[in-house]
């Protein structure tokens, strides 16, 4: 459970970094074809 608590702090740290650098990079590294493919993986990956 101590690892779980610190995992939450990691989330907060990443959130802080993204707050500083912005979210514009998401559009550059995640084009529509990649986002759509990831969404398909999320849905079909749970099918089993």
ModelCIF file with pLDDT and N, C-alpha, C, O atoms, coordinates in Angstrom:
data_MODEL
#
_entry.id   MODEL 
#
_entity.id                         1 
_entity.type                       polymer 
_entity.pdbx_number_of_molecules   1 
#
_entity_poly.entity_id                      1 
_entity_poly.type                           'polypeptide(L)' 
_entity_poly.nstd_linkage                   no 
_entity_poly.nstd_monomer                   no 
_entity_poly.pdbx_seq_one_letter_code       
;(UNK)(UNK)(UNK)(UNK)(UNK)(UNK)(UNK)(UNK)(UNK)(UNK)(UNK)(UNK)(UNK)(UNK)(UNK)(UNK)
(UNK)(UNK)(UNK)(UNK)(UNK)(UNK)(UNK)(UNK)(UNK)(UNK)(UNK)(UNK)(UNK)(UNK)(UNK)(UNK)
(UNK)(UNK)(UNK)(UNK)(UNK)(UNK)(UNK)(UNK)(UNK)(UNK)(UNK)(UNK)(UNK)(UNK)(UNK)(UNK)
;
_entity_poly.pdbx_seq_one_letter_code_can   XXXXXXXXXXXXXXXXXXXXXXXXXXXXXXXXXXXXXXXXXXXXXXXX 
_entity_poly.pdbx_strand_id                 A 
#
loop_
_entity_poly_seq.entity_id 
_entity_poly_seq.num 
_entity_poly_seq.mon_id 
_entity_poly_seq.hetero 
1 1  UNK n 
1 2  UNK n 
1 3  UNK n 
1 4  UNK n 
1 5  UNK n 
1 6  UNK n 
1 7  UNK n 
1 8  UNK n 
1 9  UNK n 
1 10 UNK n 
1 11 UNK n 
1 12 UNK n 
1 13 UNK n 
1 14 UNK n 
1 15 UNK n 
1 16 UNK n 
1 17 UNK n 
1 18 UNK n 
1 19 UNK n 
1 20 UNK n 
1 21 UNK n 
1 22 UNK n 
1 23 UNK n 
1 24 UNK n 
1 25 UNK n 
1 26 UNK n 
1 27 UNK n 
1 28 UNK n 
1 29 UNK n 
1 30 UNK n 
1 31 UNK n 
1 32 UNK n 
1 33 UNK n 
1 34 UNK n 
1 35 UNK n 
1 36 UNK n 
1 37 UNK n 
1 38 UNK n 
1 39 UNK n 
1 40 UNK n 
1 41 UNK n 
1 42 UNK n 
1 43 UNK n 
1 44 UNK n 
1 45 UNK n 
1 46 UNK n 
1 47 UNK n 
1 48 UNK n 
#
_struct_asym.id          A 
_struct_asym.entity_id   1 
#
loop_
_ma_qa_metric.id 
_ma_qa_metric.mode 
_ma_qa_metric.name 
_ma_qa_metric.software_group_id 
_ma_qa_metric.type 
1 global pLDDT . pLDDT 
2 local  pLDDT . pLDDT 
#
_ma_qa_metric_global.metric_id      1 
_ma_qa_metric_global.metric_value   89.29 
_ma_qa_metric_global.model_id       1 
_ma_qa_metric_global.ordinal_id     1 
#
loop_
_ma_qa_metric_local.label_asym_id 
_ma_qa_metric_local.label_comp_id 
_ma_qa_metric_local.label_seq_id 
_ma_qa_metric_local.metric_id 
_ma_qa_metric_local.metric_value 
_ma_qa_metric_local.model_id 
_ma_qa_metric_local.ordinal_id 
A UNK 1  2 95.00 1 1  
A UNK 2  2 95.00 1 2  
A UNK 3  2 93.00 1 3  
A UNK 4  2 95.00 1 4  
A UNK 5  2 96.00 1 5  
A UNK 6  2 95.00 1 6  
A UNK 7  2 94.00 1 7  
A UNK 8  2 96.00 1 8  
A UNK 9  2 96.00 1 9  
A UNK 10 2 94.00 1 10 
A UNK 11 2 95.00 1 11 
A UNK 12 2 96.00 1 12 
A UNK 13 2 95.00 1 13 
A UNK 14 2 93.00 1 14 
A UNK 15 2 95.00 1 15 
A UNK 16 2 95.00 1 16 
A UNK 17 2 93.00 1 17 
A UNK 18 2 93.00 1 18 
A UNK 19 2 93.00 1 19 
A UNK 20 2 93.00 1 20 
A UNK 21 2 89.00 1 21 
A UNK 22 2 86.00 1 22 
A UNK 23 2 78.00 1 23 
A UNK 24 2 80.00 1 24 
A UNK 25 2 79.00 1 25 
A UNK 26 2 79.00 1 26 
A UNK 27 2 74.00 1 27 
A UNK 28 2 80.00 1 28 
A UNK 29 2 84.00 1 29 
A UNK 30 2 83.00 1 30 
A UNK 31 2 88.00 1 31 
A UNK 32 2 88.00 1 32 
A UNK 33 2 91.00 1 33 
A UNK 34 2 91.00 1 34 
A UNK 35 2 87.00 1 35 
A UNK 36 2 89.00 1 36 
A UNK 37 2 92.00 1 37 
A UNK 38 2 89.00 1 38 
A UNK 39 2 87.00 1 39 
A UNK 40 2 91.00 1 40 
A UNK 41 2 90.00 1 41 
A UNK 42 2 85.00 1 42 
A UNK 43 2 85.00 1 43 
A UNK 44 2 89.00 1 44 
A UNK 45 2 86.00 1 45 
A UNK 46 2 82.00 1 46 
A UNK 47 2 87.00 1 47 
A UNK 48 2 87.00 1 48 
#
loop_
_atom_site.group_PDB 
_atom_site.id 
_atom_site.type_symbol 
_atom_site.label_atom_id 
_atom_site.label_alt_id 
_atom_site.label_comp_id 
_atom_site.label_asym_id 
_atom_site.label_entity_id 
_atom_site.label_seq_id 
_atom_site.pdbx_PDB_ins_code 
_atom_site.Cartn_x 
_atom_site.Cartn_y 
_atom_site.Cartn_z 
_atom_site.occupancy 
_atom_site.B_iso_or_equiv 
_atom_site.pdbx_formal_charge 
_atom_site.auth_seq_id 
_atom_site.auth_comp_id 
_atom_site.auth_asym_id 
_atom_site.auth_atom_id 
_atom_site.pdbx_PDB_model_num 
ATOM 1   N N  . UNK A 1 1  ? 0.815   -1.210  0.000   1.00 95.00 ? 1  UNK A N  1 
ATOM 2   C CA . UNK A 1 1  ? 0.000   0.000   0.000   1.00 95.00 ? 1  UNK A CA 1 
ATOM 3   C C  . UNK A 1 1  ? 0.852   1.265   0.000   1.00 95.00 ? 1  UNK A C  1 
ATOM 4   O O  . UNK A 1 1  ? 0.420   2.292   -0.523  1.00 95.00 ? 1  UNK A O  1 
ATOM 5   N N  . UNK A 1 2  ? 2.057   1.212   0.578   1.00 95.00 ? 2  UNK A N  1 
ATOM 6   C CA . UNK A 1 2  ? 2.942   2.374   0.517   1.00 95.00 ? 2  UNK A CA 1 
ATOM 7   C C  . UNK A 1 2  ? 3.355   2.653   -0.922  1.00 95.00 ? 2  UNK A C  1 
ATOM 8   O O  . UNK A 1 2  ? 3.501   3.809   -1.319  1.00 95.00 ? 2  UNK A O  1 
ATOM 9   N N  . UNK A 1 3  ? 3.545   1.583   -1.707  1.00 93.00 ? 3  UNK A N  1 
ATOM 10  C CA . UNK A 1 3  ? 3.828   1.747   -3.125  1.00 93.00 ? 3  UNK A CA 1 
ATOM 11  C C  . UNK A 1 3  ? 2.663   2.364   -3.876  1.00 93.00 ? 3  UNK A C  1 
ATOM 12  O O  . UNK A 1 3  ? 2.859   3.147   -4.806  1.00 93.00 ? 3  UNK A O  1 
ATOM 13  N N  . UNK A 1 4  ? 1.437   2.008   -3.468  1.00 95.00 ? 4  UNK A N  1 
ATOM 14  C CA . UNK A 1 4  ? 0.237   2.586   -4.076  1.00 95.00 ? 4  UNK A CA 1 
ATOM 15  C C  . UNK A 1 4  ? 0.177   4.088   -3.820  1.00 95.00 ? 4  UNK A C  1 
ATOM 16  O O  . UNK A 1 4  ? -0.138  4.864   -4.722  1.00 95.00 ? 4  UNK A O  1 
ATOM 17  N N  . UNK A 1 5  ? 0.480   4.496   -2.585  1.00 96.00 ? 5  UNK A N  1 
ATOM 18  C CA . UNK A 1 5  ? 0.460   5.918   -2.234  1.00 96.00 ? 5  UNK A CA 1 
ATOM 19  C C  . UNK A 1 5  ? 1.451   6.697   -3.097  1.00 96.00 ? 5  UNK A C  1 
ATOM 20  O O  . UNK A 1 5  ? 1.120   7.750   -3.641  1.00 96.00 ? 5  UNK A O  1 
ATOM 21  N N  . UNK A 1 6  ? 2.666   6.171   -3.215  1.00 95.00 ? 6  UNK A N  1 
ATOM 22  C CA . UNK A 1 6  ? 3.687   6.861   -4.000  1.00 95.00 ? 6  UNK A CA 1 
ATOM 23  C C  . UNK A 1 6  ? 3.337   6.836   -5.490  1.00 95.00 ? 6  UNK A C  1 
ATOM 24  O O  . UNK A 1 6  ? 3.679   7.771   -6.215  1.00 95.00 ? 6  UNK A O  1 
ATOM 25  N N  . UNK A 1 7  ? 2.663   5.783   -5.956  1.00 94.00 ? 7  UNK A N  1 
ATOM 26  C CA . UNK A 1 7  ? 2.191   5.752   -7.344  1.00 94.00 ? 7  UNK A CA 1 
ATOM 27  C C  . UNK A 1 7  ? 1.261   6.932   -7.612  1.00 94.00 ? 7  UNK A C  1 
ATOM 28  O O  . UNK A 1 7  ? 1.303   7.539   -8.682  1.00 94.00 ? 7  UNK A O  1 
ATOM 29  N N  . UNK A 1 8  ? 0.425   7.249   -6.633  1.00 96.00 ? 8  UNK A N  1 
ATOM 30  C CA . UNK A 1 8  ? -0.434  8.422   -6.762  1.00 96.00 ? 8  UNK A CA 1 
ATOM 31  C C  . UNK A 1 8  ? 0.369   9.702   -6.874  1.00 96.00 ? 8  UNK A C  1 
ATOM 32  O O  . UNK A 1 8  ? -0.004  10.615  -7.611  1.00 96.00 ? 8  UNK A O  1 
ATOM 33  N N  . UNK A 1 9  ? 1.494   9.773   -6.128  1.00 96.00 ? 9  UNK A N  1 
ATOM 34  C CA . UNK A 1 9  ? 2.362   10.946  -6.214  1.00 96.00 ? 9  UNK A CA 1 
ATOM 35  C C  . UNK A 1 9  ? 3.027   11.043  -7.585  1.00 96.00 ? 9  UNK A C  1 
ATOM 36  O O  . UNK A 1 9  ? 3.278   12.141  -8.082  1.00 96.00 ? 9  UNK A O  1 
ATOM 37  N N  . UNK A 1 10 ? 3.311   9.885   -8.197  1.00 94.00 ? 10 UNK A N  1 
ATOM 38  C CA . UNK A 1 10 ? 3.871   9.876   -9.552  1.00 94.00 ? 10 UNK A CA 1 
ATOM 39  C C  . UNK A 1 10 ? 2.870   10.485  -10.533 1.00 94.00 ? 10 UNK A C  1 
ATOM 40  O O  . UNK A 1 10 ? 3.248   11.275  -11.398 1.00 94.00 ? 10 UNK A O  1 
ATOM 41  N N  . UNK A 1 11 ? 1.606   10.121  -10.401 1.00 95.00 ? 11 UNK A N  1 
ATOM 42  C CA . UNK A 1 11 ? 0.550   10.724  -11.222 1.00 95.00 ? 11 UNK A CA 1 
ATOM 43  C C  . UNK A 1 11 ? 0.560   12.244  -11.077 1.00 95.00 ? 11 UNK A C  1 
ATOM 44  O O  . UNK A 1 11 ? 0.493   12.977  -12.064 1.00 95.00 ? 11 UNK A O  1 
ATOM 45  N N  . UNK A 1 12 ? 0.645   12.698  -9.837  1.00 96.00 ? 12 UNK A N  1 
ATOM 46  C CA . UNK A 1 12 ? 0.631   14.140  -9.582  1.00 96.00 ? 12 UNK A CA 1 
ATOM 47  C C  . UNK A 1 12 ? 1.857   14.815  -10.189 1.00 96.00 ? 12 UNK A C  1 
ATOM 48  O O  . UNK A 1 12 ? 1.753   15.917  -10.728 1.00 96.00 ? 12 UNK A O  1 
ATOM 49  N N  . UNK A 1 13 ? 3.021   14.160  -10.105 1.00 95.00 ? 13 UNK A N  1 
ATOM 50  C CA . UNK A 1 13 ? 4.242   14.718  -10.677 1.00 95.00 ? 13 UNK A CA 1 
ATOM 51  C C  . UNK A 1 13 ? 4.123   14.846  -12.196 1.00 95.00 ? 13 UNK A C  1 
ATOM 52  O O  . UNK A 1 13 ? 4.489   15.872  -12.768 1.00 95.00 ? 13 UNK A O  1 
ATOM 53  N N  . UNK A 1 14 ? 3.607   13.792  -12.847 1.00 93.00 ? 14 UNK A N  1 
ATOM 54  C CA . UNK A 1 14 ? 3.421   13.829  -14.299 1.00 93.00 ? 14 UNK A CA 1 
ATOM 55  C C  . UNK A 1 14 ? 2.421   14.912  -14.683 1.00 93.00 ? 14 UNK A C  1 
ATOM 56  O O  . UNK A 1 14 ? 2.608   15.616  -15.675 1.00 93.00 ? 14 UNK A O  1 
ATOM 57  N N  . UNK A 1 15 ? 1.355   15.043  -13.890 1.00 95.00 ? 15 UNK A N  1 
ATOM 58  C CA . UNK A 1 15 ? 0.357   16.086  -14.140 1.00 95.00 ? 15 UNK A CA 1 
ATOM 59  C C  . UNK A 1 15 ? 0.999   17.468  -14.068 1.00 95.00 ? 15 UNK A C  1 
ATOM 60  O O  . UNK A 1 15 ? 0.702   18.339  -14.886 1.00 95.00 ? 15 UNK A O  1 
ATOM 61  N N  . UNK A 1 16 ? 1.881   17.669  -13.085 1.00 95.00 ? 16 UNK A N  1 
ATOM 62  C CA . UNK A 1 16 ? 2.572   18.946  -12.945 1.00 95.00 ? 16 UNK A CA 1 
ATOM 63  C C  . UNK A 1 16 ? 3.481   19.245  -14.125 1.00 95.00 ? 16 UNK A C  1 
ATOM 64  O O  . UNK A 1 16 ? 3.537   20.378  -14.602 1.00 95.00 ? 16 UNK A O  1 
ATOM 65  N N  . UNK A 1 17 ? 4.200   18.217  -14.600 1.00 93.00 ? 17 UNK A N  1 
ATOM 66  C CA . UNK A 1 17 ? 5.093   18.396  -15.748 1.00 93.00 ? 17 UNK A CA 1 
ATOM 67  C C  . UNK A 1 17 ? 4.300   18.773  -16.996 1.00 93.00 ? 17 UNK A C  1 
ATOM 68  O O  . UNK A 1 17 ? 4.679   19.686  -17.730 1.00 93.00 ? 17 UNK A O  1 
ATOM 69  N N  . UNK A 1 18 ? 3.197   18.063  -17.231 1.00 93.00 ? 18 UNK A N  1 
ATOM 70  C CA . UNK A 1 18 ? 2.370   18.354  -18.402 1.00 93.00 ? 18 UNK A CA 1 
ATOM 71  C C  . UNK A 1 18 ? 1.748   19.744  -18.297 1.00 93.00 ? 18 UNK A C  1 
ATOM 72  O O  . UNK A 1 18 ? 1.571   20.429  -19.304 1.00 93.00 ? 18 UNK A O  1 
ATOM 73  N N  . UNK A 1 19 ? 1.418   20.153  -17.076 1.00 93.00 ? 19 UNK A N  1 
ATOM 74  C CA . UNK A 1 19 ? 0.892   21.505  -16.857 1.00 93.00 ? 19 UNK A CA 1 
ATOM 75  C C  . UNK A 1 19 ? 1.909   22.558  -17.286 1.00 93.00 ? 19 UNK A C  1 
ATOM 76  O O  . UNK A 1 19 ? 1.550   23.595  -17.845 1.00 93.00 ? 19 UNK A O  1 
ATOM 77  N N  . UNK A 1 20 ? 3.183   22.277  -17.015 1.00 93.00 ? 20 UNK A N  1 
ATOM 78  C CA . UNK A 1 20 ? 4.242   23.228  -17.345 1.00 93.00 ? 20 UNK A CA 1 
ATOM 79  C C  . UNK A 1 20 ? 4.533   23.264  -18.841 1.00 93.00 ? 20 UNK A C  1 
ATOM 80  O O  . UNK A 1 20 ? 4.708   24.339  -19.415 1.00 93.00 ? 20 UNK A O  1 
ATOM 81  N N  . UNK A 1 21 ? 4.588   22.076  -19.484 1.00 89.00 ? 21 UNK A N  1 
ATOM 82  C CA . UNK A 1 21 ? 4.989   22.018  -20.892 1.00 89.00 ? 21 UNK A CA 1 
ATOM 83  C C  . UNK A 1 21 ? 3.809   22.108  -21.846 1.00 89.00 ? 21 UNK A C  1 
ATOM 84  O O  . UNK A 1 21 ? 3.998   22.286  -23.049 1.00 89.00 ? 21 UNK A O  1 
ATOM 85  N N  . UNK A 1 22 ? 2.571   21.985  -21.315 1.00 86.00 ? 22 UNK A N  1 
ATOM 86  C CA . UNK A 1 22 ? 1.391   22.063  -22.147 1.00 86.00 ? 22 UNK A CA 1 
ATOM 87  C C  . UNK A 1 22 ? 1.012   20.720  -22.765 1.00 86.00 ? 22 UNK A C  1 
ATOM 88  O O  . UNK A 1 22 ? 1.694   19.717  -22.552 1.00 86.00 ? 22 UNK A O  1 
ATOM 89  N N  . UNK A 1 23 ? -0.074  20.705  -23.528 1.00 78.00 ? 23 UNK A N  1 
ATOM 90  C CA . UNK A 1 23 ? -0.565  19.474  -24.147 1.00 78.00 ? 23 UNK A CA 1 
ATOM 91  C C  . UNK A 1 23 ? -0.459  19.483  -25.671 1.00 78.00 ? 23 UNK A C  1 
ATOM 92  O O  . UNK A 1 23 ? -0.972  18.587  -26.342 1.00 78.00 ? 23 UNK A O  1 
ATOM 93  N N  . UNK A 1 24 ? 0.211   20.503  -26.211 1.00 80.00 ? 24 UNK A N  1 
ATOM 94  C CA . UNK A 1 24 ? 0.349   20.574  -27.660 1.00 80.00 ? 24 UNK A CA 1 
ATOM 95  C C  . UNK A 1 24 ? 1.075   19.381  -28.250 1.00 80.00 ? 24 UNK A C  1 
ATOM 96  O O  . UNK A 1 24 ? 0.814   18.995  -29.390 1.00 80.00 ? 24 UNK A O  1 
ATOM 97  N N  . UNK A 1 25 ? 1.985   18.794  -27.482 1.00 79.00 ? 25 UNK A N  1 
ATOM 98  C CA . UNK A 1 25 ? 2.760   17.650  -27.962 1.00 79.00 ? 25 UNK A CA 1 
ATOM 99  C C  . UNK A 1 25 ? 1.875   16.444  -28.255 1.00 79.00 ? 25 UNK A C  1 
ATOM 100 O O  . UNK A 1 25 ? 2.233   15.587  -29.062 1.00 79.00 ? 25 UNK A O  1 
ATOM 101 N N  . UNK A 1 26 ? 0.714   16.378  -27.594 1.00 79.00 ? 26 UNK A N  1 
ATOM 102 C CA . UNK A 1 26 ? -0.170  15.233  -27.812 1.00 79.00 ? 26 UNK A CA 1 
ATOM 103 C C  . UNK A 1 26 ? -0.668  15.203  -29.250 1.00 79.00 ? 26 UNK A C  1 
ATOM 104 O O  . UNK A 1 26 ? -0.736  14.141  -29.869 1.00 79.00 ? 26 UNK A O  1 
ATOM 105 N N  . UNK A 1 27 ? -1.015  16.376  -29.779 1.00 74.00 ? 27 UNK A N  1 
ATOM 106 C CA . UNK A 1 27 ? -1.473  16.437  -31.167 1.00 74.00 ? 27 UNK A CA 1 
ATOM 107 C C  . UNK A 1 27 ? -0.377  16.033  -32.139 1.00 74.00 ? 27 UNK A C  1 
ATOM 108 O O  . UNK A 1 27 ? -0.661  15.474  -33.198 1.00 74.00 ? 27 UNK A O  1 
ATOM 109 N N  . UNK A 1 28 ? 0.877   16.312  -31.789 1.00 80.00 ? 28 UNK A N  1 
ATOM 110 C CA . UNK A 1 28 ? 1.995   15.995  -32.683 1.00 80.00 ? 28 UNK A CA 1 
ATOM 111 C C  . UNK A 1 28 ? 2.350   14.509  -32.675 1.00 80.00 ? 28 UNK A C  1 
ATOM 112 O O  . UNK A 1 28 ? 2.654   13.938  -33.722 1.00 80.00 ? 28 UNK A O  1 
ATOM 113 N N  . UNK A 1 29 ? 2.313   13.883  -31.497 1.00 84.00 ? 29 UNK A N  1 
ATOM 114 C CA . UNK A 1 29 ? 2.742   12.485  -31.424 1.00 84.00 ? 29 UNK A CA 1 
ATOM 115 C C  . UNK A 1 29 ? 1.585   11.500  -31.481 1.00 84.00 ? 29 UNK A C  1 
ATOM 116 O O  . UNK A 1 29 ? 1.796   10.297  -31.633 1.00 84.00 ? 29 UNK A O  1 
ATOM 117 N N  . UNK A 1 30 ? 0.343   12.017  -31.358 1.00 83.00 ? 30 UNK A N  1 
ATOM 118 C CA . UNK A 1 30 ? -0.821  11.135  -31.408 1.00 83.00 ? 30 UNK A CA 1 
ATOM 119 C C  . UNK A 1 30 ? -1.777  11.599  -32.499 1.00 83.00 ? 30 UNK A C  1 
ATOM 120 O O  . UNK A 1 30 ? -2.781  12.247  -32.201 1.00 83.00 ? 30 UNK A O  1 
ATOM 121 N N  . UNK A 1 31 ? -1.482  11.277  -33.773 1.00 88.00 ? 31 UNK A N  1 
ATOM 122 C CA . UNK A 1 31 ? -2.376  11.653  -34.866 1.00 88.00 ? 31 UNK A CA 1 
ATOM 123 C C  . UNK A 1 31 ? -3.665  10.844  -34.813 1.00 88.00 ? 31 UNK A C  1 
ATOM 124 O O  . UNK A 1 31 ? -3.732  9.847   -34.094 1.00 88.00 ? 31 UNK A O  1 
ATOM 125 N N  . UNK A 1 32 ? -4.697  11.254  -35.562 1.00 88.00 ? 32 UNK A N  1 
ATOM 126 C CA . UNK A 1 32 ? -5.982  10.549  -35.521 1.00 88.00 ? 32 UNK A CA 1 
ATOM 127 C C  . UNK A 1 32 ? -5.887  9.059   -35.804 1.00 88.00 ? 32 UNK A C  1 
ATOM 128 O O  . UNK A 1 32 ? -6.574  8.270   -35.155 1.00 88.00 ? 32 UNK A O  1 
ATOM 129 N N  . UNK A 1 33 ? -5.053  8.653   -36.758 1.00 91.00 ? 33 UNK A N  1 
ATOM 130 C CA . UNK A 1 33 ? -4.953  7.230   -37.091 1.00 91.00 ? 33 UNK A CA 1 
ATOM 131 C C  . UNK A 1 33 ? -4.412  6.437   -35.905 1.00 91.00 ? 33 UNK A C  1 
ATOM 132 O O  . UNK A 1 33 ? -4.831  5.301   -35.687 1.00 91.00 ? 33 UNK A O  1 
ATOM 133 N N  . UNK A 1 34 ? -3.491  7.012   -35.138 1.00 91.00 ? 34 UNK A N  1 
ATOM 134 C CA . UNK A 1 34 ? -2.929  6.329   -33.984 1.00 91.00 ? 34 UNK A CA 1 
ATOM 135 C C  . UNK A 1 34 ? -3.923  6.308   -32.828 1.00 91.00 ? 34 UNK A C  1 
ATOM 136 O O  . UNK A 1 34 ? -4.083  5.284   -32.163 1.00 91.00 ? 34 UNK A O  1 
ATOM 137 N N  . UNK A 1 35 ? -4.590  7.436   -32.586 1.00 87.00 ? 35 UNK A N  1 
ATOM 138 C CA . UNK A 1 35 ? -5.589  7.493   -31.515 1.00 87.00 ? 35 UNK A CA 1 
ATOM 139 C C  . UNK A 1 35 ? -6.696  6.479   -31.778 1.00 87.00 ? 35 UNK A C  1 
ATOM 140 O O  . UNK A 1 35 ? -7.079  5.725   -30.883 1.00 87.00 ? 35 UNK A O  1 
ATOM 141 N N  . UNK A 1 36 ? -7.205  6.462   -33.000 1.00 89.00 ? 36 UNK A N  1 
ATOM 142 C CA . UNK A 1 36 ? -8.278  5.528   -33.346 1.00 89.00 ? 36 UNK A CA 1 
ATOM 143 C C  . UNK A 1 36 ? -7.836  4.088   -33.160 1.00 89.00 ? 36 UNK A C  1 
ATOM 144 O O  . UNK A 1 36 ? -8.600  3.254   -32.675 1.00 89.00 ? 36 UNK A O  1 
ATOM 145 N N  . UNK A 1 37 ? -6.598  3.799   -33.547 1.00 92.00 ? 37 UNK A N  1 
ATOM 146 C CA . UNK A 1 37 ? -6.072  2.438   -33.406 1.00 92.00 ? 37 UNK A CA 1 
ATOM 147 C C  . UNK A 1 37 ? -5.954  2.053   -31.936 1.00 92.00 ? 37 UNK A C  1 
ATOM 148 O O  . UNK A 1 37 ? -6.259  0.920   -31.564 1.00 92.00 ? 37 UNK A O  1 
ATOM 149 N N  . UNK A 1 38 ? -5.510  2.994   -31.093 1.00 89.00 ? 38 UNK A N  1 
ATOM 150 C CA . UNK A 1 38 ? -5.407  2.730   -29.660 1.00 89.00 ? 38 UNK A CA 1 
ATOM 151 C C  . UNK A 1 38 ? -6.789  2.477   -29.054 1.00 89.00 ? 38 UNK A C  1 
ATOM 152 O O  . UNK A 1 38 ? -6.952  1.594   -28.212 1.00 89.00 ? 38 UNK A O  1 
ATOM 153 N N  . UNK A 1 39 ? -7.777  3.257   -29.485 1.00 87.00 ? 39 UNK A N  1 
ATOM 154 C CA . UNK A 1 39 ? -9.141  3.060   -29.011 1.00 87.00 ? 39 UNK A CA 1 
ATOM 155 C C  . UNK A 1 39 ? -9.640  1.662   -29.386 1.00 87.00 ? 39 UNK A C  1 
ATOM 156 O O  . UNK A 1 39 ? -10.279 0.987   -28.578 1.00 87.00 ? 39 UNK A O  1 
ATOM 157 N N  . UNK A 1 40 ? -9.348  1.239   -30.601 1.00 91.00 ? 40 UNK A N  1 
ATOM 158 C CA . UNK A 1 40 ? -9.733  -0.105  -31.034 1.00 91.00 ? 40 UNK A CA 1 
ATOM 159 C C  . UNK A 1 40 ? -9.047  -1.163  -30.171 1.00 91.00 ? 40 UNK A C  1 
ATOM 160 O O  . UNK A 1 40 ? -9.665  -2.159  -29.794 1.00 91.00 ? 40 UNK A O  1 
ATOM 161 N N  . UNK A 1 41 ? -7.776  -0.944  -29.862 1.00 90.00 ? 41 UNK A N  1 
ATOM 162 C CA . UNK A 1 41 ? -7.037  -1.885  -29.013 1.00 90.00 ? 41 UNK A CA 1 
ATOM 163 C C  . UNK A 1 41 ? -7.671  -1.966  -27.624 1.00 90.00 ? 41 UNK A C  1 
ATOM 164 O O  . UNK A 1 41 ? -7.811  -3.054  -27.065 1.00 90.00 ? 41 UNK A O  1 
ATOM 165 N N  . UNK A 1 42 ? -8.052  -0.815  -27.070 1.00 85.00 ? 42 UNK A N  1 
ATOM 166 C CA . UNK A 1 42 ? -8.673  -0.802  -25.745 1.00 85.00 ? 42 UNK A CA 1 
ATOM 167 C C  . UNK A 1 42 ? -9.940  -1.653  -25.742 1.00 85.00 ? 42 UNK A C  1 
ATOM 168 O O  . UNK A 1 42 ? -10.149 -2.460  -24.836 1.00 85.00 ? 42 UNK A O  1 
ATOM 169 N N  . UNK A 1 43 ? -10.792 -1.467  -26.766 1.00 85.00 ? 43 UNK A N  1 
ATOM 170 C CA . UNK A 1 43 ? -12.047 -2.204  -26.823 1.00 85.00 ? 43 UNK A CA 1 
ATOM 171 C C  . UNK A 1 43 ? -11.864 -3.676  -27.148 1.00 85.00 ? 43 UNK A C  1 
ATOM 172 O O  . UNK A 1 43 ? -12.352 -4.544  -26.424 1.00 85.00 ? 43 UNK A O  1 
ATOM 173 N N  . UNK A 1 44 ? -11.155 -3.957  -28.246 1.00 89.00 ? 44 UNK A N  1 
ATOM 174 C CA . UNK A 1 44 ? -10.978 -5.346  -28.680 1.00 89.00 ? 44 UNK A CA 1 
ATOM 175 C C  . UNK A 1 44 ? -10.060 -6.099  -27.716 1.00 89.00 ? 44 UNK A C  1 
ATOM 176 O O  . UNK A 1 44 ? -10.230 -7.301  -27.509 1.00 89.00 ? 44 UNK A O  1 
ATOM 177 N N  . UNK A 1 45 ? -9.089  -5.397  -27.127 1.00 86.00 ? 45 UNK A N  1 
ATOM 178 C CA . UNK A 1 45 ? -8.184  -6.035  -26.179 1.00 86.00 ? 45 UNK A CA 1 
ATOM 179 C C  . UNK A 1 45 ? -8.894  -6.592  -24.963 1.00 86.00 ? 45 UNK A C  1 
ATOM 180 O O  . UNK A 1 45 ? -8.422  -7.543  -24.340 1.00 86.00 ? 45 UNK A O  1 
ATOM 181 N N  . UNK A 1 46 ? -10.036 -5.997  -24.625 1.00 82.00 ? 46 UNK A N  1 
ATOM 182 C CA . UNK A 1 46 ? -10.827 -6.480  -23.500 1.00 82.00 ? 46 UNK A CA 1 
ATOM 183 C C  . UNK A 1 46 ? -11.770 -7.612  -23.901 1.00 82.00 ? 46 UNK A C  1 
ATOM 184 O O  . UNK A 1 46 ? -12.419 -8.219  -23.049 1.00 82.00 ? 46 UNK A O  1 
ATOM 185 N N  . UNK A 1 47 ? -11.843 -7.891  -25.193 1.00 87.00 ? 47 UNK A N  1 
ATOM 186 C CA . UNK A 1 47 ? -12.811 -8.865  -25.683 1.00 87.00 ? 47 UNK A CA 1 
ATOM 187 C C  . UNK A 1 47 ? -12.574 -10.263 -25.123 1.00 87.00 ? 47 UNK A C  1 
ATOM 188 O O  . UNK A 1 47 ? -13.526 -10.991 -24.843 1.00 87.00 ? 47 UNK A O  1 
ATOM 189 N N  . UNK A 1 48 ? -11.301 -10.642 -24.957 1.00 87.00 ? 48 UNK A N  1 
ATOM 190 C CA . UNK A 1 48 ? -11.004 -11.971 -24.431 1.00 87.00 ? 48 UNK A CA 1 
ATOM 191 C C  . UNK A 1 48 ? -11.575 -12.146 -23.032 1.00 87.00 ? 48 UNK A C  1 
ATOM 192 O O  . UNK A 1 48 ? -11.420 -13.209 -22.431 1.00 87.00 ? 48 UNK A O  1 
#
